[in-house]
Amino acid sequence: MNRFYKRYSDLIFHLLSENKWISLALLAERTGFSKSTVWRDLEFLETILPENWKLEKHETLGIRLKKPESGTLETILSEIRNKNTYFHTLKLILMNDGIDIAQISNKVHISRSTAYRHIEKLQEVLKESQLALTPSPFKVVGDERIIRRFLMQYFDLMSFNPEAEQEWLHAVDFQQDLLEVTSGHSITLRTGAIQRLKMVIYIKYAFF
């Protein structure tokens, strides 16, 4: 998941750094991806760019990303991560034990054809992670350890905060008990470590 997201950030970074037309071949060389992969990712990016951002493509000149005056790499990546319908679709599939196109279309507020395109892209991402998506109702299947790792990558990517996602009653008790157990030992627990442990427990209670 993070590798897939990194492809987008790499593409946007090079387009913004160039700030002019750049050939597909040069973009592929700089990102380390094939021209066909870069082209597919550009086509997908074109569908989820925030307002006032525009991806222009020319047969001879190549590709150019036009941004608003205040646009930065951080702002566009934040928009893509938090507001695009692709990640909302992925969240619905991960949070439900099987979901169909009608439900995705209704909850994400997209057309059925767009929902099917998102599903096709998700199938590619899951295949890269050695997982698969069942036919409708859609559900992630595969090795349990890989599924949990994929979920952790997703939550990490989306700035994991289970308390904000749903009323999860185990988080506070878990953290308090953990601190009490380790208080008598020379153990230093970083905030990030505690958060990741909470993430594992959350996944266990929420999905298995």
N, C-alpha and C. Protein backbone atom coordinates (compact mmCIF):
# COMPACT_ATOMS: atom_id res chain seq x y z
N MET A 1 0.82 -1.20 0.00
CA MET A 1 0.00 0.00 0.00
C MET A 1 0.85 1.25 0.00
N ASN A 2 1.81 1.29 0.94
CA ASN A 2 2.66 2.47 0.99
C ASN A 2 3.52 2.60 -0.25
N ARG A 3 3.96 1.44 -0.80
CA ARG A 3 4.74 1.48 -2.04
C ARG A 3 3.90 2.04 -3.17
N PHE A 4 2.62 1.64 -3.19
CA PHE A 4 1.72 2.15 -4.23
C PHE A 4 1.53 3.65 -4.08
N TYR A 5 1.31 4.10 -2.86
CA TYR A 5 1.13 5.53 -2.60
C TYR A 5 2.41 6.29 -2.95
N LYS A 6 3.58 5.69 -2.68
CA LYS A 6 4.85 6.33 -2.96
C LYS A 6 5.02 6.58 -4.46
N ARG A 7 4.47 5.71 -5.29
CA ARG A 7 4.55 5.94 -6.74
C ARG A 7 3.91 7.27 -7.09
N TYR A 8 2.76 7.56 -6.48
CA TYR A 8 2.09 8.83 -6.75
C TYR A 8 2.92 10.01 -6.25
N SER A 9 3.45 9.89 -5.04
CA SER A 9 4.21 10.99 -4.48
C SER A 9 5.48 11.24 -5.29
N ASP A 10 6.11 10.17 -5.78
CA ASP A 10 7.31 10.33 -6.61
C ASP A 10 6.97 11.05 -7.92
N LEU A 11 5.88 10.63 -8.54
CA LEU A 11 5.47 11.26 -9.80
C LEU A 11 5.18 12.75 -9.60
N ILE A 12 4.41 13.06 -8.57
CA ILE A 12 4.05 14.46 -8.31
C ILE A 12 5.29 15.28 -7.97
N PHE A 13 6.20 14.68 -7.18
CA PHE A 13 7.43 15.39 -6.81
C PHE A 13 8.23 15.78 -8.05
N HIS A 14 8.40 14.85 -8.97
CA HIS A 14 9.20 15.15 -10.17
C HIS A 14 8.48 16.13 -11.09
N LEU A 15 7.16 16.02 -11.18
CA LEU A 15 6.41 16.96 -12.01
C LEU A 15 6.48 18.37 -11.44
N LEU A 16 6.37 18.48 -10.11
CA LEU A 16 6.46 19.80 -9.48
C LEU A 16 7.88 20.36 -9.55
N SER A 17 8.88 19.50 -9.38
CA SER A 17 10.27 19.96 -9.43
C SER A 17 10.63 20.47 -10.83
N GLU A 18 10.13 19.77 -11.84
CA GLU A 18 10.42 20.16 -13.21
C GLU A 18 9.71 21.47 -13.56
N ASN A 19 8.44 21.54 -13.12
CA ASN A 19 7.63 22.75 -13.34
C ASN A 19 7.55 23.15 -14.81
N LYS A 20 7.61 22.16 -15.69
CA LYS A 20 7.47 22.39 -17.13
C LYS A 20 7.16 21.05 -17.78
N TRP A 21 7.07 21.04 -19.09
CA TRP A 21 6.82 19.79 -19.79
C TRP A 21 7.97 18.81 -19.56
N ILE A 22 7.63 17.54 -19.35
CA ILE A 22 8.63 16.49 -19.17
C ILE A 22 8.16 15.25 -19.92
N SER A 23 9.07 14.59 -20.63
CA SER A 23 8.68 13.44 -21.44
C SER A 23 8.34 12.25 -20.55
N LEU A 24 7.54 11.35 -21.09
CA LEU A 24 7.16 10.14 -20.36
C LEU A 24 8.39 9.28 -20.10
N ALA A 25 9.30 9.22 -21.07
CA ALA A 25 10.52 8.42 -20.91
C ALA A 25 11.39 8.95 -19.77
N LEU A 26 11.53 10.27 -19.69
CA LEU A 26 12.35 10.87 -18.64
C LEU A 26 11.69 10.69 -17.27
N LEU A 27 10.38 10.79 -17.25
CA LEU A 27 9.65 10.61 -15.99
C LEU A 27 9.80 9.17 -15.50
N ALA A 28 9.75 8.23 -16.44
CA ALA A 28 9.93 6.82 -16.09
C ALA A 28 11.35 6.56 -15.58
N GLU A 29 12.33 7.20 -16.23
CA GLU A 29 13.73 7.04 -15.81
C GLU A 29 13.95 7.59 -14.40
N ARG A 30 13.37 8.73 -14.10
CA ARG A 30 13.59 9.37 -12.80
C ARG A 30 12.86 8.67 -11.66
N THR A 31 11.72 8.07 -11.96
CA THR A 31 10.96 7.39 -10.91
C THR A 31 11.36 5.92 -10.76
N GLY A 32 11.95 5.35 -11.82
CA GLY A 32 12.34 3.95 -11.77
C GLY A 32 11.23 2.99 -12.14
N PHE A 33 10.11 3.52 -12.66
CA PHE A 33 8.99 2.70 -13.08
C PHE A 33 8.95 2.62 -14.61
N SER A 34 8.29 1.61 -15.14
CA SER A 34 8.16 1.49 -16.58
C SER A 34 7.25 2.60 -17.12
N LYS A 35 7.36 2.89 -18.41
CA LYS A 35 6.52 3.92 -19.01
C LYS A 35 5.05 3.55 -18.93
N SER A 36 4.74 2.26 -19.07
CA SER A 36 3.33 1.84 -19.00
C SER A 36 2.78 2.03 -17.59
N THR A 37 3.60 1.75 -16.56
CA THR A 37 3.17 1.96 -15.18
C THR A 37 2.97 3.43 -14.89
N VAL A 38 3.92 4.25 -15.34
CA VAL A 38 3.81 5.70 -15.15
C VAL A 38 2.56 6.23 -15.82
N TRP A 39 2.28 5.76 -17.03
CA TRP A 39 1.11 6.24 -17.76
C TRP A 39 -0.18 5.86 -17.06
N ARG A 40 -0.26 4.62 -16.55
CA ARG A 40 -1.46 4.19 -15.82
C ARG A 40 -1.65 5.02 -14.56
N ASP A 41 -0.55 5.28 -13.85
CA ASP A 41 -0.65 6.07 -12.63
C ASP A 41 -1.04 7.51 -12.92
N LEU A 42 -0.55 8.05 -14.02
CA LEU A 42 -0.92 9.41 -14.41
C LEU A 42 -2.40 9.49 -14.74
N GLU A 43 -2.92 8.48 -15.43
CA GLU A 43 -4.34 8.46 -15.76
C GLU A 43 -5.19 8.40 -14.49
N PHE A 44 -4.72 7.63 -13.50
CA PHE A 44 -5.46 7.55 -12.23
C PHE A 44 -5.35 8.86 -11.47
N LEU A 45 -4.16 9.42 -11.41
CA LEU A 45 -3.97 10.70 -10.72
C LEU A 45 -4.87 11.78 -11.30
N GLU A 46 -5.04 11.74 -12.60
CA GLU A 46 -5.85 12.74 -13.28
C GLU A 46 -7.29 12.75 -12.77
N THR A 47 -7.76 11.59 -12.31
CA THR A 47 -9.15 11.49 -11.86
C THR A 47 -9.33 11.94 -10.41
N ILE A 48 -8.24 12.07 -9.65
CA ILE A 48 -8.38 12.38 -8.23
C ILE A 48 -7.66 13.67 -7.82
N LEU A 49 -7.16 14.43 -8.78
CA LEU A 49 -6.48 15.68 -8.43
C LEU A 49 -7.44 16.66 -7.77
N PRO A 50 -6.97 17.40 -6.78
CA PRO A 50 -7.83 18.40 -6.11
C PRO A 50 -8.21 19.53 -7.08
N GLU A 51 -9.18 20.33 -6.67
CA GLU A 51 -9.63 21.46 -7.47
C GLU A 51 -8.46 22.41 -7.74
N ASN A 52 -8.43 22.93 -8.96
CA ASN A 52 -7.41 23.89 -9.42
C ASN A 52 -6.06 23.25 -9.76
N TRP A 53 -5.96 21.93 -9.61
CA TRP A 53 -4.78 21.22 -10.08
C TRP A 53 -5.14 20.56 -11.41
N LYS A 54 -4.22 20.54 -12.35
CA LYS A 54 -4.52 19.98 -13.66
C LYS A 54 -3.30 19.28 -14.24
N LEU A 55 -3.53 18.08 -14.75
CA LEU A 55 -2.47 17.31 -15.40
C LEU A 55 -2.66 17.41 -16.90
N GLU A 56 -1.70 18.00 -17.60
CA GLU A 56 -1.79 18.18 -19.04
C GLU A 56 -0.87 17.18 -19.74
N LYS A 57 -1.37 16.58 -20.82
CA LYS A 57 -0.59 15.60 -21.58
C LYS A 57 -0.56 16.02 -23.04
N HIS A 58 0.65 15.92 -23.66
CA HIS A 58 0.84 16.33 -25.05
C HIS A 58 1.64 15.24 -25.76
N GLU A 59 1.27 14.94 -26.99
CA GLU A 59 1.91 13.85 -27.73
C GLU A 59 3.41 14.04 -27.88
N THR A 60 3.86 15.26 -28.11
CA THR A 60 5.29 15.51 -28.34
C THR A 60 5.99 16.14 -27.13
N LEU A 61 5.28 17.01 -26.41
CA LEU A 61 5.91 17.71 -25.29
C LEU A 61 6.00 16.86 -24.03
N GLY A 62 5.04 15.97 -23.83
CA GLY A 62 5.04 15.10 -22.66
C GLY A 62 3.95 15.43 -21.67
N ILE A 63 4.33 15.55 -20.39
CA ILE A 63 3.36 15.77 -19.32
C ILE A 63 3.75 17.00 -18.52
N ARG A 64 2.74 17.71 -18.05
CA ARG A 64 2.98 18.89 -17.21
C ARG A 64 1.88 18.98 -16.15
N LEU A 65 2.30 19.28 -14.91
CA LEU A 65 1.34 19.44 -13.82
C LEU A 65 1.18 20.92 -13.52
N LYS A 66 -0.02 21.43 -13.70
CA LYS A 66 -0.31 22.83 -13.40
C LYS A 66 -0.97 22.90 -12.02
N LYS A 67 -0.43 23.77 -11.17
CA LYS A 67 -0.92 23.87 -9.80
C LYS A 67 -1.37 25.28 -9.48
N PRO A 68 -2.23 25.43 -8.46
CA PRO A 68 -2.61 26.78 -8.01
C PRO A 68 -1.39 27.48 -7.41
N GLU A 69 -1.47 28.78 -7.28
CA GLU A 69 -0.33 29.58 -6.81
C GLU A 69 0.20 29.10 -5.45
N SER A 70 -0.69 28.70 -4.57
CA SER A 70 -0.27 28.28 -3.23
C SER A 70 -0.08 26.77 -3.12
N GLY A 71 -0.15 26.08 -4.23
CA GLY A 71 -0.05 24.63 -4.20
C GLY A 71 1.34 24.12 -3.87
N THR A 72 1.41 23.10 -3.00
CA THR A 72 2.69 22.49 -2.63
C THR A 72 2.55 20.97 -2.69
N LEU A 73 3.67 20.28 -2.62
CA LEU A 73 3.65 18.82 -2.60
C LEU A 73 2.86 18.30 -1.41
N GLU A 74 3.06 18.92 -0.25
CA GLU A 74 2.37 18.48 0.96
C GLU A 74 0.85 18.63 0.85
N THR A 75 0.40 19.75 0.26
CA THR A 75 -1.04 19.97 0.18
C THR A 75 -1.71 18.99 -0.77
N ILE A 76 -1.07 18.71 -1.90
CA ILE A 76 -1.71 17.81 -2.86
C ILE A 76 -1.70 16.37 -2.34
N LEU A 77 -0.62 15.94 -1.68
CA LEU A 77 -0.60 14.59 -1.14
C LEU A 77 -1.62 14.42 -0.01
N SER A 78 -1.79 15.47 0.79
CA SER A 78 -2.79 15.43 1.85
C SER A 78 -4.19 15.32 1.25
N GLU A 79 -4.44 16.06 0.18
CA GLU A 79 -5.75 16.01 -0.49
C GLU A 79 -6.00 14.62 -1.06
N ILE A 80 -4.98 14.07 -1.73
CA ILE A 80 -5.13 12.75 -2.34
C ILE A 80 -5.38 11.69 -1.29
N ARG A 81 -4.66 11.79 -0.16
CA ARG A 81 -4.78 10.78 0.88
C ARG A 81 -6.12 10.85 1.60
N ASN A 82 -6.58 12.05 1.89
CA ASN A 82 -7.73 12.22 2.77
C ASN A 82 -9.08 12.40 2.08
N LYS A 83 -9.07 12.86 0.83
CA LYS A 83 -10.34 13.24 0.22
C LYS A 83 -10.72 12.47 -1.03
N ASN A 84 -9.78 11.73 -1.63
CA ASN A 84 -10.17 11.08 -2.88
C ASN A 84 -11.00 9.83 -2.64
N THR A 85 -11.85 9.52 -3.57
CA THR A 85 -12.82 8.43 -3.41
C THR A 85 -12.18 7.06 -3.48
N TYR A 86 -10.99 6.96 -4.06
CA TYR A 86 -10.29 5.68 -4.10
C TYR A 86 -10.01 5.18 -2.69
N PHE A 87 -9.45 6.02 -1.83
CA PHE A 87 -9.13 5.60 -0.48
C PHE A 87 -10.39 5.39 0.36
N HIS A 88 -11.46 6.12 0.06
CA HIS A 88 -12.73 5.88 0.75
C HIS A 88 -13.28 4.50 0.38
N THR A 89 -13.11 4.12 -0.88
CA THR A 89 -13.56 2.80 -1.33
C THR A 89 -12.76 1.71 -0.63
N LEU A 90 -11.44 1.91 -0.57
CA LEU A 90 -10.58 0.94 0.11
C LEU A 90 -10.97 0.80 1.57
N LYS A 91 -11.26 1.91 2.23
CA LYS A 91 -11.64 1.88 3.64
C LYS A 91 -12.92 1.07 3.83
N LEU A 92 -13.90 1.26 2.96
CA LEU A 92 -15.15 0.52 3.08
C LEU A 92 -14.92 -0.98 2.97
N ILE A 93 -14.07 -1.37 2.05
CA ILE A 93 -13.80 -2.80 1.86
C ILE A 93 -13.09 -3.38 3.08
N LEU A 94 -12.14 -2.62 3.62
CA LEU A 94 -11.38 -3.10 4.78
C LEU A 94 -12.23 -3.15 6.04
N MET A 95 -13.20 -2.23 6.14
CA MET A 95 -14.00 -2.12 7.36
C MET A 95 -15.26 -2.99 7.35
N ASN A 96 -15.52 -3.65 6.22
CA ASN A 96 -16.74 -4.45 6.13
C ASN A 96 -16.42 -5.88 5.71
N ASP A 97 -17.22 -6.80 6.18
CA ASP A 97 -17.04 -8.21 5.84
C ASP A 97 -17.81 -8.52 4.56
N GLY A 98 -17.40 -7.87 3.48
CA GLY A 98 -18.07 -8.03 2.19
C GLY A 98 -18.96 -6.85 1.89
N ILE A 99 -18.75 -6.23 0.73
CA ILE A 99 -19.54 -5.06 0.34
C ILE A 99 -19.68 -5.06 -1.18
N ASP A 100 -20.84 -4.62 -1.69
CA ASP A 100 -21.06 -4.67 -3.13
C ASP A 100 -20.96 -3.28 -3.77
N ILE A 101 -21.06 -3.26 -5.09
CA ILE A 101 -20.90 -2.01 -5.85
C ILE A 101 -21.96 -0.99 -5.46
N ALA A 102 -23.20 -1.44 -5.28
CA ALA A 102 -24.28 -0.51 -4.92
C ALA A 102 -23.98 0.18 -3.59
N GLN A 103 -23.48 -0.56 -2.62
CA GLN A 103 -23.14 0.03 -1.32
C GLN A 103 -21.97 1.01 -1.44
N ILE A 104 -20.97 0.63 -2.22
CA ILE A 104 -19.82 1.52 -2.43
C ILE A 104 -20.27 2.81 -3.11
N SER A 105 -21.06 2.66 -4.16
CA SER A 105 -21.55 3.82 -4.90
C SER A 105 -22.35 4.76 -4.01
N ASN A 106 -23.18 4.18 -3.15
CA ASN A 106 -24.03 4.98 -2.26
C ASN A 106 -23.25 5.67 -1.15
N LYS A 107 -22.33 4.94 -0.52
CA LYS A 107 -21.60 5.48 0.63
C LYS A 107 -20.49 6.44 0.23
N VAL A 108 -19.85 6.21 -0.92
CA VAL A 108 -18.75 7.07 -1.36
C VAL A 108 -19.24 8.19 -2.25
N HIS A 109 -20.50 8.08 -2.70
CA HIS A 109 -21.12 9.09 -3.57
C HIS A 109 -20.41 9.17 -4.92
N ILE A 110 -20.24 8.01 -5.54
CA ILE A 110 -19.65 7.93 -6.87
C ILE A 110 -20.54 7.05 -7.74
N SER A 111 -20.35 7.15 -9.05
CA SER A 111 -21.14 6.32 -9.96
C SER A 111 -20.68 4.87 -9.88
N ARG A 112 -21.51 3.98 -10.36
CA ARG A 112 -21.14 2.56 -10.35
C ARG A 112 -19.92 2.31 -11.23
N SER A 113 -19.83 3.02 -12.36
CA SER A 113 -18.68 2.83 -13.25
C SER A 113 -17.39 3.28 -12.56
N THR A 114 -17.44 4.38 -11.81
CA THR A 114 -16.26 4.83 -11.06
C THR A 114 -15.91 3.82 -9.98
N ALA A 115 -16.91 3.28 -9.32
CA ALA A 115 -16.67 2.27 -8.28
C ALA A 115 -15.98 1.05 -8.87
N TYR A 116 -16.41 0.62 -10.06
CA TYR A 116 -15.77 -0.52 -10.71
C TYR A 116 -14.32 -0.21 -11.09
N ARG A 117 -14.04 1.03 -11.51
CA ARG A 117 -12.66 1.41 -11.83
C ARG A 117 -11.80 1.38 -10.58
N HIS A 118 -12.35 1.84 -9.46
CA HIS A 118 -11.61 1.78 -8.20
C HIS A 118 -11.32 0.33 -7.81
N ILE A 119 -12.29 -0.55 -8.02
CA ILE A 119 -12.11 -1.96 -7.69
C ILE A 119 -10.98 -2.55 -8.53
N GLU A 120 -10.93 -2.20 -9.82
CA GLU A 120 -9.87 -2.71 -10.70
C GLU A 120 -8.50 -2.26 -10.20
N LYS A 121 -8.39 -1.00 -9.79
CA LYS A 121 -7.12 -0.49 -9.28
C LYS A 121 -6.76 -1.17 -7.95
N LEU A 122 -7.75 -1.41 -7.11
CA LEU A 122 -7.50 -2.09 -5.85
C LEU A 122 -7.00 -3.51 -6.06
N GLN A 123 -7.53 -4.18 -7.07
CA GLN A 123 -7.09 -5.53 -7.37
C GLN A 123 -5.60 -5.56 -7.72
N GLU A 124 -5.14 -4.53 -8.44
CA GLU A 124 -3.72 -4.42 -8.78
C GLU A 124 -2.88 -4.23 -7.52
N VAL A 125 -3.34 -3.34 -6.63
CA VAL A 125 -2.61 -3.05 -5.39
C VAL A 125 -2.53 -4.29 -4.52
N LEU A 126 -3.64 -4.98 -4.36
CA LEU A 126 -3.67 -6.17 -3.53
C LEU A 126 -2.81 -7.28 -4.11
N LYS A 127 -2.79 -7.41 -5.42
CA LYS A 127 -1.96 -8.42 -6.06
C LYS A 127 -0.48 -8.16 -5.76
N GLU A 128 -0.08 -6.90 -5.77
CA GLU A 128 1.30 -6.53 -5.43
C GLU A 128 1.63 -6.93 -4.00
N SER A 129 0.62 -6.94 -3.14
CA SER A 129 0.82 -7.29 -1.73
C SER A 129 0.54 -8.76 -1.46
N GLN A 130 0.40 -9.56 -2.53
CA GLN A 130 0.13 -11.00 -2.43
C GLN A 130 -1.22 -11.29 -1.77
N LEU A 131 -2.19 -10.41 -2.03
CA LEU A 131 -3.55 -10.60 -1.56
C LEU A 131 -4.49 -10.56 -2.76
N ALA A 132 -5.76 -10.77 -2.51
CA ALA A 132 -6.75 -10.76 -3.59
C ALA A 132 -8.07 -10.18 -3.08
N LEU A 133 -8.93 -9.85 -4.03
CA LEU A 133 -10.26 -9.33 -3.73
C LEU A 133 -11.28 -10.31 -4.29
N THR A 134 -12.19 -10.75 -3.44
CA THR A 134 -13.21 -11.70 -3.90
C THR A 134 -14.18 -11.00 -4.84
N PRO A 135 -14.87 -11.78 -5.70
CA PRO A 135 -15.96 -11.20 -6.48
C PRO A 135 -17.04 -10.68 -5.53
N SER A 136 -17.89 -9.81 -6.03
CA SER A 136 -18.92 -9.19 -5.20
C SER A 136 -19.71 -10.22 -4.41
N PRO A 137 -19.91 -10.02 -3.10
CA PRO A 137 -19.46 -8.87 -2.30
C PRO A 137 -17.94 -8.89 -2.10
N PHE A 138 -17.33 -7.71 -2.24
CA PHE A 138 -15.88 -7.61 -2.24
C PHE A 138 -15.32 -7.72 -0.83
N LYS A 139 -14.26 -8.53 -0.71
CA LYS A 139 -13.61 -8.75 0.57
C LYS A 139 -12.16 -9.13 0.31
N VAL A 140 -11.24 -8.61 1.14
CA VAL A 140 -9.83 -8.93 0.99
C VAL A 140 -9.57 -10.33 1.55
N VAL A 141 -8.90 -11.17 0.76
CA VAL A 141 -8.59 -12.53 1.19
C VAL A 141 -7.11 -12.82 0.96
N GLY A 142 -6.60 -13.77 1.70
CA GLY A 142 -5.20 -14.15 1.57
C GLY A 142 -4.64 -14.57 2.91
N ASP A 143 -3.32 -14.66 2.99
CA ASP A 143 -2.65 -15.04 4.23
C ASP A 143 -2.99 -14.03 5.32
N GLU A 144 -3.39 -14.54 6.48
CA GLU A 144 -3.85 -13.67 7.58
C GLU A 144 -2.77 -12.67 7.99
N ARG A 145 -1.51 -13.12 8.03
CA ARG A 145 -0.42 -12.22 8.43
C ARG A 145 -0.23 -11.09 7.43
N ILE A 146 -0.37 -11.42 6.15
CA ILE A 146 -0.21 -10.39 5.11
C ILE A 146 -1.37 -9.40 5.17
N ILE A 147 -2.59 -9.91 5.43
CA ILE A 147 -3.76 -9.03 5.55
C ILE A 147 -3.56 -8.05 6.71
N ARG A 148 -3.07 -8.55 7.83
CA ARG A 148 -2.85 -7.67 8.99
C ARG A 148 -1.77 -6.64 8.68
N ARG A 149 -0.73 -7.06 7.98
CA ARG A 149 0.32 -6.11 7.62
C ARG A 149 -0.21 -5.04 6.67
N PHE A 150 -1.06 -5.47 5.74
CA PHE A 150 -1.68 -4.53 4.80
C PHE A 150 -2.55 -3.52 5.54
N LEU A 151 -3.33 -4.01 6.52
CA LEU A 151 -4.18 -3.13 7.32
C LEU A 151 -3.34 -2.12 8.11
N MET A 152 -2.23 -2.59 8.67
CA MET A 152 -1.35 -1.70 9.43
C MET A 152 -0.75 -0.63 8.52
N GLN A 153 -0.38 -1.02 7.30
CA GLN A 153 0.14 -0.06 6.33
C GLN A 153 -0.92 0.97 5.98
N TYR A 154 -2.15 0.49 5.82
CA TYR A 154 -3.25 1.41 5.48
C TYR A 154 -3.47 2.42 6.61
N PHE A 155 -3.59 1.94 7.86
CA PHE A 155 -3.82 2.84 8.98
C PHE A 155 -2.66 3.81 9.17
N ASP A 156 -1.44 3.31 8.95
CA ASP A 156 -0.26 4.16 9.07
C ASP A 156 -0.29 5.25 8.01
N LEU A 157 -0.65 4.87 6.80
CA LEU A 157 -0.74 5.83 5.70
C LEU A 157 -1.79 6.89 5.97
N MET A 158 -2.92 6.49 6.54
CA MET A 158 -4.02 7.41 6.76
C MET A 158 -3.97 8.08 8.13
N SER A 159 -2.79 8.11 8.74
CA SER A 159 -2.61 8.73 10.06
C SER A 159 -3.54 8.06 11.07
N PHE A 160 -3.28 6.79 11.32
CA PHE A 160 -4.12 5.93 12.16
C PHE A 160 -4.58 6.60 13.45
N ASN A 161 -5.88 6.56 13.67
CA ASN A 161 -6.46 7.08 14.91
C ASN A 161 -7.75 6.32 15.16
N PRO A 162 -7.68 5.10 15.73
CA PRO A 162 -8.88 4.28 15.87
C PRO A 162 -9.96 4.92 16.70
N GLU A 163 -9.58 5.74 17.69
CA GLU A 163 -10.60 6.38 18.51
C GLU A 163 -11.46 7.33 17.68
N ALA A 164 -10.86 7.93 16.66
CA ALA A 164 -11.60 8.85 15.80
C ALA A 164 -12.43 8.09 14.78
N GLU A 165 -12.00 6.87 14.44
CA GLU A 165 -12.71 6.09 13.43
C GLU A 165 -13.99 5.48 13.99
N GLN A 166 -13.92 5.00 15.23
CA GLN A 166 -15.08 4.37 15.81
C GLN A 166 -14.87 4.30 17.32
N GLU A 167 -15.90 3.98 18.07
CA GLU A 167 -15.78 3.89 19.52
C GLU A 167 -15.09 2.58 19.88
N TRP A 168 -13.79 2.67 20.05
CA TRP A 168 -13.01 1.48 20.36
C TRP A 168 -12.65 1.52 21.83
N LEU A 169 -13.24 0.65 22.65
CA LEU A 169 -13.14 0.75 24.10
C LEU A 169 -11.87 0.11 24.66
N HIS A 170 -11.08 -0.59 23.82
CA HIS A 170 -9.92 -1.30 24.32
C HIS A 170 -8.67 -0.42 24.40
N ALA A 171 -8.64 0.67 23.65
CA ALA A 171 -7.41 1.44 23.50
C ALA A 171 -6.90 2.02 24.81
N VAL A 172 -7.74 2.75 25.54
CA VAL A 172 -7.32 3.41 26.78
C VAL A 172 -6.91 2.40 27.83
N ASP A 173 -7.72 1.34 28.01
CA ASP A 173 -7.40 0.31 29.00
C ASP A 173 -6.10 -0.39 28.65
N PHE A 174 -5.91 -0.66 27.37
CA PHE A 174 -4.69 -1.33 26.93
C PHE A 174 -3.46 -0.50 27.26
N GLN A 175 -3.50 0.77 26.94
CA GLN A 175 -2.35 1.65 27.19
C GLN A 175 -2.08 1.76 28.69
N GLN A 176 -3.14 1.91 29.50
CA GLN A 176 -2.97 2.04 30.94
C GLN A 176 -2.37 0.77 31.55
N ASP A 177 -2.91 -0.39 31.13
CA ASP A 177 -2.40 -1.67 31.64
C ASP A 177 -0.95 -1.88 31.24
N LEU A 178 -0.64 -1.51 30.01
CA LEU A 178 0.73 -1.69 29.52
C LEU A 178 1.72 -0.86 30.33
N LEU A 179 1.37 0.38 30.62
CA LEU A 179 2.24 1.25 31.41
C LEU A 179 2.41 0.75 32.83
N GLU A 180 1.32 0.20 33.39
CA GLU A 180 1.41 -0.33 34.76
C GLU A 180 2.31 -1.56 34.81
N VAL A 181 2.19 -2.43 33.84
CA VAL A 181 3.00 -3.65 33.80
C VAL A 181 4.48 -3.34 33.65
N THR A 182 4.81 -2.33 32.87
CA THR A 182 6.21 -2.02 32.59
C THR A 182 6.81 -1.01 33.56
N SER A 183 5.99 -0.44 34.46
CA SER A 183 6.48 0.62 35.34
C SER A 183 7.58 0.15 36.29
N GLY A 184 7.57 -1.14 36.63
CA GLY A 184 8.57 -1.65 37.56
C GLY A 184 9.83 -2.14 36.90
N HIS A 185 9.95 -1.93 35.59
CA HIS A 185 11.12 -2.39 34.85
C HIS A 185 11.78 -1.22 34.11
N SER A 186 13.00 -1.42 33.72
CA SER A 186 13.74 -0.38 32.99
C SER A 186 13.38 -0.43 31.51
N ILE A 187 12.16 -0.13 31.21
CA ILE A 187 11.66 -0.18 29.84
C ILE A 187 11.12 1.19 29.45
N THR A 188 11.61 1.71 28.33
CA THR A 188 11.11 2.99 27.84
C THR A 188 10.22 2.73 26.63
N LEU A 189 8.98 3.17 26.72
CA LEU A 189 8.04 2.97 25.62
C LEU A 189 7.80 4.28 24.90
N ARG A 190 8.22 4.32 23.66
CA ARG A 190 7.99 5.52 22.86
C ARG A 190 6.52 5.59 22.45
N THR A 191 6.03 6.82 22.23
CA THR A 191 4.64 7.01 21.83
C THR A 191 4.32 6.23 20.57
N GLY A 192 5.23 6.23 19.61
CA GLY A 192 5.00 5.52 18.36
C GLY A 192 4.86 4.03 18.56
N ALA A 193 5.66 3.48 19.50
CA ALA A 193 5.59 2.04 19.78
C ALA A 193 4.25 1.68 20.39
N ILE A 194 3.79 2.51 21.35
CA ILE A 194 2.49 2.27 21.97
C ILE A 194 1.38 2.33 20.93
N GLN A 195 1.48 3.31 20.03
CA GLN A 195 0.45 3.47 19.01
C GLN A 195 0.39 2.26 18.09
N ARG A 196 1.56 1.71 17.75
CA ARG A 196 1.58 0.54 16.87
C ARG A 196 1.03 -0.69 17.59
N LEU A 197 1.33 -0.82 18.88
CA LEU A 197 0.76 -1.92 19.64
C LEU A 197 -0.76 -1.80 19.72
N LYS A 198 -1.23 -0.57 19.91
CA LYS A 198 -2.68 -0.33 19.94
C LYS A 198 -3.29 -0.68 18.59
N MET A 199 -2.55 -0.41 17.52
CA MET A 199 -3.03 -0.71 16.18
C MET A 199 -3.24 -2.21 16.00
N VAL A 200 -2.27 -3.00 16.50
CA VAL A 200 -2.37 -4.46 16.39
C VAL A 200 -3.60 -4.97 17.14
N ILE A 201 -3.81 -4.46 18.36
CA ILE A 201 -4.97 -4.88 19.15
C ILE A 201 -6.26 -4.46 18.47
N TYR A 202 -6.26 -3.26 17.90
CA TYR A 202 -7.46 -2.77 17.21
C TYR A 202 -7.83 -3.67 16.04
N ILE A 203 -6.82 -4.04 15.27
CA ILE A 203 -7.07 -4.92 14.12
C ILE A 203 -7.60 -6.27 14.58
N LYS A 204 -7.04 -6.78 15.67
CA LYS A 204 -7.49 -8.06 16.18
C LYS A 204 -8.96 -8.04 16.57
N TYR A 205 -9.38 -7.00 17.31
CA TYR A 205 -10.77 -6.90 17.76
C TYR A 205 -11.72 -6.54 16.62
N ALA A 206 -11.24 -5.72 15.68
CA ALA A 206 -12.13 -5.20 14.63
C ALA A 206 -12.34 -6.18 13.50
N PHE A 207 -11.33 -7.04 13.22
CA PHE A 207 -11.42 -7.81 11.98
C PHE A 207 -11.30 -9.31 12.19
N PHE A 208 -10.85 -9.78 13.36
CA PHE A 208 -10.61 -11.21 13.47
C PHE A 208 -11.26 -11.75 14.74
